[in-house]
Amino acid sequence: MVIMATLLVGCGSSEGFDSSKLINVVSREDGSGTRGAFVEIVGVEDANGNDMTTTEAVVQNSTNGVMTTVAGDKYSIGYISLGSLNDTVRALSVEGVSANPENVKAGAYKIARPFNIAYKSSIGDLAQDFIDFILSANGQAIVEENGLVAAVDGGEYNPKGLSGTIVVGGSTSVTPVMEKLAEAYEGLNNGVSVEIQSTGSSAGMTGTIEGSLDIGMASRELKDSEAAELDQAVIAIDGIALIVNNENPIQDLSLEEIQAIYLGEITLWNEVE
């Protein structure tokens, strides 16, 4: 009873929440950078590194898809980019540490990963200029304004008067901050258009290697095969938030409990009370 009281502090009434119900696990799709980072950090994999996410999980192919599912199901749990978190769902603390940019930056919140961009070494001047903007003080300020942790301490950006179109594609988790970066860059360069395709990390890397994209976005580390073909840069550090429905009274889970839920070993909410 002492543990339950601790979990319910500050969460309001749990009236209407039946903790004997099944935990409805929500996962991202195969190829998602967020899923890849999550299963690796939390340990939802076997000795050979194979993803062992429970086959009972509901699979969503976007950040918004996960949030919409969890917002509509009070017995569900999912994971998303911390930078995409809004008040339609609630983030759990992990090992007693709140999911926020300050704790990610301090290293206290353990479920965190880099946001990467990737590009060919033969990248054009325009796309390179956009990358220079992203890594500048101007670009990194936008990163922090959007709930992420800056990756570099860049200098001031100076527009070069370039024009043309840049095609960027990949991670649905990186997309929201990339849209803000693109908007700001276009505002400083009137002759430039940045087209963003939100297709998932793996598709972003493939498109960049094949040449249909100038810049790929990945919410995970690049695979060896991708890194052999592409240069890369970290543009931000992001936490992965464990989210539940706003009616769920649970406040905190341990890494061990999260792992067991996603392996299908813990299946009822009263098993984590």
Protein backbone atom coordinates (compact mmCIF):
# COMPACT_ATOMS: atom_id res chain seq x y z
CA MET A 1 0.00 0.00 0.00
CA VAL A 2 2.91 2.37 0.64
CA ILE A 3 4.16 1.87 -2.94
CA MET A 4 0.71 2.50 -4.37
CA ALA A 5 0.36 5.70 -2.41
CA THR A 6 3.69 6.91 -3.78
CA LEU A 7 2.68 6.15 -7.35
CA LEU A 8 -0.56 8.06 -7.02
CA VAL A 9 0.91 11.25 -5.57
CA GLY A 10 -0.02 14.22 -7.72
CA CYS A 11 -1.96 12.21 -10.29
CA GLY A 12 -5.46 13.02 -9.12
CA SER A 13 -8.28 10.55 -8.72
CA SER A 14 -7.84 7.05 -10.11
CA GLU A 15 -11.61 6.55 -10.07
CA GLY A 16 -12.66 4.65 -13.18
CA PHE A 17 -9.25 3.07 -13.76
CA ASP A 18 -9.35 -0.71 -13.26
CA SER A 19 -5.80 -1.87 -12.57
CA SER A 20 -6.78 -5.50 -13.17
CA LYS A 21 -7.08 -4.72 -16.88
CA LEU A 22 -4.54 -5.76 -19.49
CA ILE A 23 -1.76 -3.35 -20.44
CA ASN A 24 -2.33 -2.48 -24.08
CA VAL A 25 1.21 -2.16 -25.44
CA VAL A 26 1.77 0.28 -28.30
CA SER A 27 4.97 0.11 -30.35
CA ARG A 28 6.47 1.80 -33.38
CA GLU A 29 6.98 -0.16 -36.59
CA ASP A 30 10.05 -2.12 -37.69
CA GLY A 31 12.54 0.33 -39.19
CA SER A 32 11.55 3.15 -36.83
CA GLY A 33 14.58 4.83 -35.30
CA THR A 34 12.64 5.47 -32.12
CA ARG A 35 11.80 1.76 -31.84
CA GLY A 36 15.39 0.75 -32.55
CA ALA A 37 16.76 3.08 -29.89
CA PHE A 38 14.07 2.13 -27.38
CA VAL A 39 14.52 -1.64 -27.60
CA GLU A 40 18.30 -1.28 -27.37
CA ILE A 41 18.31 1.07 -24.36
CA VAL A 42 15.56 -0.76 -22.44
CA GLY A 43 16.82 -4.23 -23.38
CA VAL A 44 13.82 -5.50 -25.34
CA GLU A 45 16.05 -7.79 -27.39
CA ASP A 46 17.68 -11.18 -27.22
CA ALA A 47 21.38 -12.05 -26.87
CA ASN A 48 21.85 -11.54 -30.62
CA GLY A 49 20.28 -8.10 -30.60
CA ASN A 50 16.99 -9.20 -32.17
CA ASP A 51 13.93 -7.09 -31.32
CA MET A 52 11.73 -9.07 -28.94
CA THR A 53 8.79 -6.66 -28.64
CA THR A 54 5.70 -8.64 -27.68
CA THR A 55 3.63 -9.80 -30.65
CA GLU A 56 0.56 -8.51 -28.77
CA ALA A 57 1.70 -4.91 -29.28
CA VAL A 58 -0.36 -2.54 -31.40
CA VAL A 59 2.03 -1.19 -34.05
CA GLN A 60 1.83 2.44 -35.17
CA ASN A 61 3.96 3.89 -37.96
CA SER A 62 4.27 7.43 -36.65
CA THR A 63 4.73 9.48 -33.50
CA ASN A 64 1.25 10.95 -33.89
CA GLY A 65 -0.19 7.48 -34.34
CA VAL A 66 1.22 6.36 -30.99
CA MET A 67 -0.05 9.48 -29.21
CA THR A 68 -3.53 9.20 -30.73
CA THR A 69 -3.79 5.54 -29.72
CA VAL A 70 -2.68 6.17 -26.14
CA ALA A 71 -4.88 9.27 -25.81
CA GLY A 72 -7.89 7.16 -26.78
CA ASP A 73 -7.19 4.13 -24.57
CA LYS A 74 -6.73 4.55 -20.83
CA TYR A 75 -5.10 1.11 -20.50
CA SER A 76 -2.42 1.64 -23.12
CA ILE A 77 1.27 2.53 -22.91
CA GLY A 78 3.53 3.77 -25.68
CA TYR A 79 6.77 5.61 -26.37
CA ILE A 80 7.45 8.76 -28.37
CA SER A 81 10.00 11.49 -28.88
CA LEU A 82 10.06 13.71 -25.80
CA GLY A 83 10.18 16.70 -28.13
CA SER A 84 6.76 15.71 -29.52
CA LEU A 85 5.04 15.33 -26.13
CA ASN A 86 1.81 17.27 -25.64
CA ASP A 87 -1.01 17.36 -23.10
CA THR A 88 -3.15 14.74 -24.85
CA VAL A 89 -1.09 12.10 -23.02
CA ARG A 90 1.15 11.98 -19.93
CA ALA A 91 4.82 11.04 -19.66
CA LEU A 92 5.87 8.66 -16.89
CA SER A 93 8.99 9.20 -14.87
CA VAL A 94 11.56 6.40 -15.19
CA GLU A 95 13.49 5.22 -12.11
CA GLY A 96 12.08 8.27 -10.32
CA VAL A 97 13.44 10.73 -12.91
CA SER A 98 11.05 12.97 -14.82
CA ALA A 99 11.19 12.99 -18.61
CA ASN A 100 12.26 16.55 -19.44
CA PRO A 101 15.07 18.21 -21.43
CA GLU A 102 16.94 19.24 -18.28
CA ASN A 103 17.21 15.66 -17.06
CA VAL A 104 18.17 14.43 -20.55
CA LYS A 105 20.93 17.06 -20.73
CA ALA A 106 22.19 16.11 -17.26
CA GLY A 107 22.24 12.42 -18.17
CA ALA A 108 19.80 11.59 -15.36
CA TYR A 109 17.03 10.44 -17.68
CA LYS A 110 18.39 7.26 -19.22
CA ILE A 111 16.11 6.65 -22.22
CA ALA A 112 17.69 9.15 -24.60
CA ARG A 113 19.21 9.06 -28.07
CA PRO A 114 20.66 11.38 -30.73
CA PHE A 115 18.79 12.96 -33.60
CA ASN A 116 21.03 12.50 -36.63
CA ILE A 117 21.12 13.84 -40.14
CA ALA A 118 22.97 12.00 -42.90
CA TYR A 119 24.16 13.06 -46.33
CA LYS A 120 26.56 12.08 -49.08
CA SER A 121 30.07 13.47 -49.10
CA SER A 122 29.23 15.00 -52.49
CA ILE A 123 26.43 17.09 -50.97
CA GLY A 124 25.61 20.30 -52.84
CA ASP A 125 26.32 23.82 -51.61
CA LEU A 126 22.67 24.57 -50.79
CA ALA A 127 22.08 21.47 -48.67
CA GLN A 128 25.43 22.04 -46.94
CA ASP A 129 24.36 25.60 -46.13
CA PHE A 130 21.16 24.30 -44.54
CA ILE A 131 23.23 21.90 -42.42
CA ASP A 132 25.48 24.82 -41.43
CA PHE A 133 22.36 26.67 -40.30
CA ILE A 134 21.07 23.69 -38.28
CA LEU A 135 24.39 23.40 -36.43
CA SER A 136 24.74 27.16 -35.91
CA ALA A 137 23.77 29.03 -32.76
CA ASN A 138 20.58 30.06 -34.57
CA GLY A 139 19.62 26.50 -35.43
CA GLN A 140 20.53 25.05 -32.05
CA ALA A 141 18.39 27.71 -30.34
CA ILE A 142 15.42 26.39 -32.33
CA VAL A 143 16.33 22.85 -31.22
CA GLU A 144 16.11 23.91 -27.58
CA GLU A 145 12.93 25.93 -28.12
CA ASN A 146 11.32 22.67 -29.25
CA GLY A 147 12.05 20.70 -26.09
CA LEU A 148 15.29 19.07 -27.21
CA VAL A 149 18.89 19.35 -26.04
CA ALA A 150 21.34 21.20 -28.28
CA ALA A 151 24.06 18.98 -29.73
CA VAL A 152 26.73 21.58 -30.46
CA ASP A 153 27.78 25.08 -29.47
CA GLY A 154 27.70 26.67 -32.91
CA GLY A 155 28.55 30.11 -34.19
CA GLU A 156 26.27 32.66 -35.78
CA TYR A 157 24.76 31.80 -39.17
CA ASN A 158 25.25 34.19 -42.09
CA PRO A 159 23.01 33.72 -45.18
CA LYS A 160 24.85 33.32 -48.48
CA GLY A 161 22.02 34.33 -50.81
CA LEU A 162 21.60 30.84 -52.28
CA SER A 163 18.44 29.60 -53.96
CA GLY A 164 16.88 26.26 -54.89
CA THR A 165 15.13 23.28 -53.31
CA ILE A 166 16.39 20.94 -50.59
CA VAL A 167 14.70 17.57 -50.08
CA VAL A 168 14.90 16.17 -46.55
CA GLY A 169 13.30 12.91 -45.44
CA GLY A 170 13.21 10.29 -42.71
CA SER A 171 12.33 10.04 -39.05
CA THR A 172 8.82 11.05 -37.96
CA SER A 173 10.33 11.97 -34.59
CA VAL A 174 12.87 14.37 -36.10
CA THR A 175 10.30 15.86 -38.49
CA PRO A 176 8.67 18.38 -36.06
CA VAL A 177 11.95 20.14 -35.20
CA MET A 178 13.15 19.88 -38.81
CA GLU A 179 9.98 21.67 -39.93
CA LYS A 180 10.79 24.53 -37.53
CA LEU A 181 14.39 24.64 -38.72
CA ALA A 182 13.28 24.67 -42.35
CA GLU A 183 10.80 27.47 -41.72
CA ALA A 184 13.47 29.62 -40.08
CA TYR A 185 16.01 28.86 -42.81
CA GLU A 186 13.55 29.75 -45.56
CA GLY A 187 12.84 33.00 -43.74
CA LEU A 188 16.51 33.91 -43.97
CA ASN A 189 16.88 32.69 -47.57
CA ASN A 190 13.94 33.87 -49.66
CA GLY A 191 14.94 31.85 -52.71
CA VAL A 192 15.06 28.52 -50.89
CA SER A 193 12.37 25.85 -50.44
CA VAL A 194 12.87 22.93 -48.04
CA GLU A 195 10.68 19.90 -48.78
CA ILE A 196 10.30 17.47 -45.87
CA GLN A 197 9.15 13.86 -46.25
CA SER A 198 8.24 12.14 -42.97
CA THR A 199 8.84 8.50 -43.87
CA GLY A 200 10.79 6.89 -40.99
CA SER A 201 14.49 6.64 -40.21
CA SER A 202 15.30 3.62 -42.36
CA ALA A 203 13.50 5.06 -45.38
CA GLY A 204 15.38 8.32 -44.83
CA MET A 205 18.75 6.60 -44.91
CA THR A 206 17.82 4.54 -47.97
CA GLY A 207 16.56 7.61 -49.82
CA THR A 208 19.74 9.52 -49.07
CA ILE A 209 21.96 6.66 -50.21
CA GLU A 210 19.92 6.23 -53.41
CA GLY A 211 19.96 9.99 -54.09
CA SER A 212 16.25 10.85 -53.86
CA LEU A 213 16.97 12.87 -50.69
CA ASP A 214 19.61 15.52 -50.07
CA ILE A 215 19.52 14.96 -46.31
CA GLY A 216 18.19 12.01 -44.33
CA MET A 217 16.84 12.16 -40.77
CA ALA A 218 17.35 9.35 -38.23
CA SER A 219 16.24 9.17 -34.61
CA ARG A 220 18.89 6.54 -33.89
CA GLU A 221 22.52 5.83 -34.60
CA LEU A 222 23.27 4.93 -38.20
CA LYS A 223 23.77 1.26 -38.98
CA ASP A 224 27.24 0.24 -40.13
CA SER A 225 25.99 -0.27 -43.68
CA GLU A 226 24.47 3.24 -43.70
CA ALA A 227 27.52 4.89 -42.13
CA ALA A 228 29.70 3.31 -44.82
CA GLU A 229 27.75 5.23 -47.47
CA LEU A 230 26.94 8.49 -45.67
CA ASP A 231 28.42 11.25 -43.55
CA GLN A 232 26.43 12.20 -40.48
CA ALA A 233 25.96 14.87 -37.84
CA VAL A 234 24.11 14.94 -34.51
CA ILE A 235 21.68 17.86 -34.48
CA ALA A 236 19.98 17.28 -31.10
CA ILE A 237 19.65 14.93 -28.15
CA ASP A 238 16.14 13.70 -27.43
CA GLY A 239 14.57 11.66 -24.68
CA ILE A 240 12.15 8.85 -25.43
CA ALA A 241 9.09 9.43 -23.27
CA LEU A 242 6.99 6.54 -21.94
CA ILE A 243 3.42 7.78 -22.30
CA VAL A 244 0.12 6.72 -20.79
CA ASN A 245 -3.45 7.96 -20.95
CA ASN A 246 -4.28 10.97 -18.78
CA GLU A 247 -6.68 8.80 -16.74
CA ASN A 248 -3.93 6.33 -15.79
CA PRO A 249 -2.82 6.89 -12.15
CA ILE A 250 0.62 5.28 -12.51
CA GLN A 251 3.40 7.87 -12.20
CA ASP A 252 6.69 5.96 -12.43
CA LEU A 253 8.13 2.74 -13.84
CA SER A 254 11.55 1.16 -13.48
CA LEU A 255 13.57 0.18 -16.54
CA GLU A 256 13.06 -3.44 -15.51
CA GLU A 257 9.27 -2.99 -15.48
CA ILE A 258 9.29 -1.25 -18.87
CA GLN A 259 11.39 -4.05 -20.31
CA ALA A 260 9.03 -6.70 -18.93
CA ILE A 261 5.96 -4.90 -20.29
CA TYR A 262 7.41 -4.72 -23.79
CA LEU A 263 8.62 -8.33 -23.66
CA GLY A 264 5.09 -9.38 -22.69
CA GLU A 265 6.17 -10.68 -19.27
CA ILE A 266 4.09 -8.10 -17.35
CA THR A 267 0.60 -7.92 -18.82
CA LEU A 268 -1.64 -6.35 -16.15
CA TRP A 269 -1.55 -2.85 -14.68
CA ASN A 270 -1.79 -4.17 -11.09
CA GLU A 271 1.57 -5.91 -11.63
CA VAL A 272 3.30 -2.52 -11.57
CA GLU A 273 1.41 -0.98 -8.66
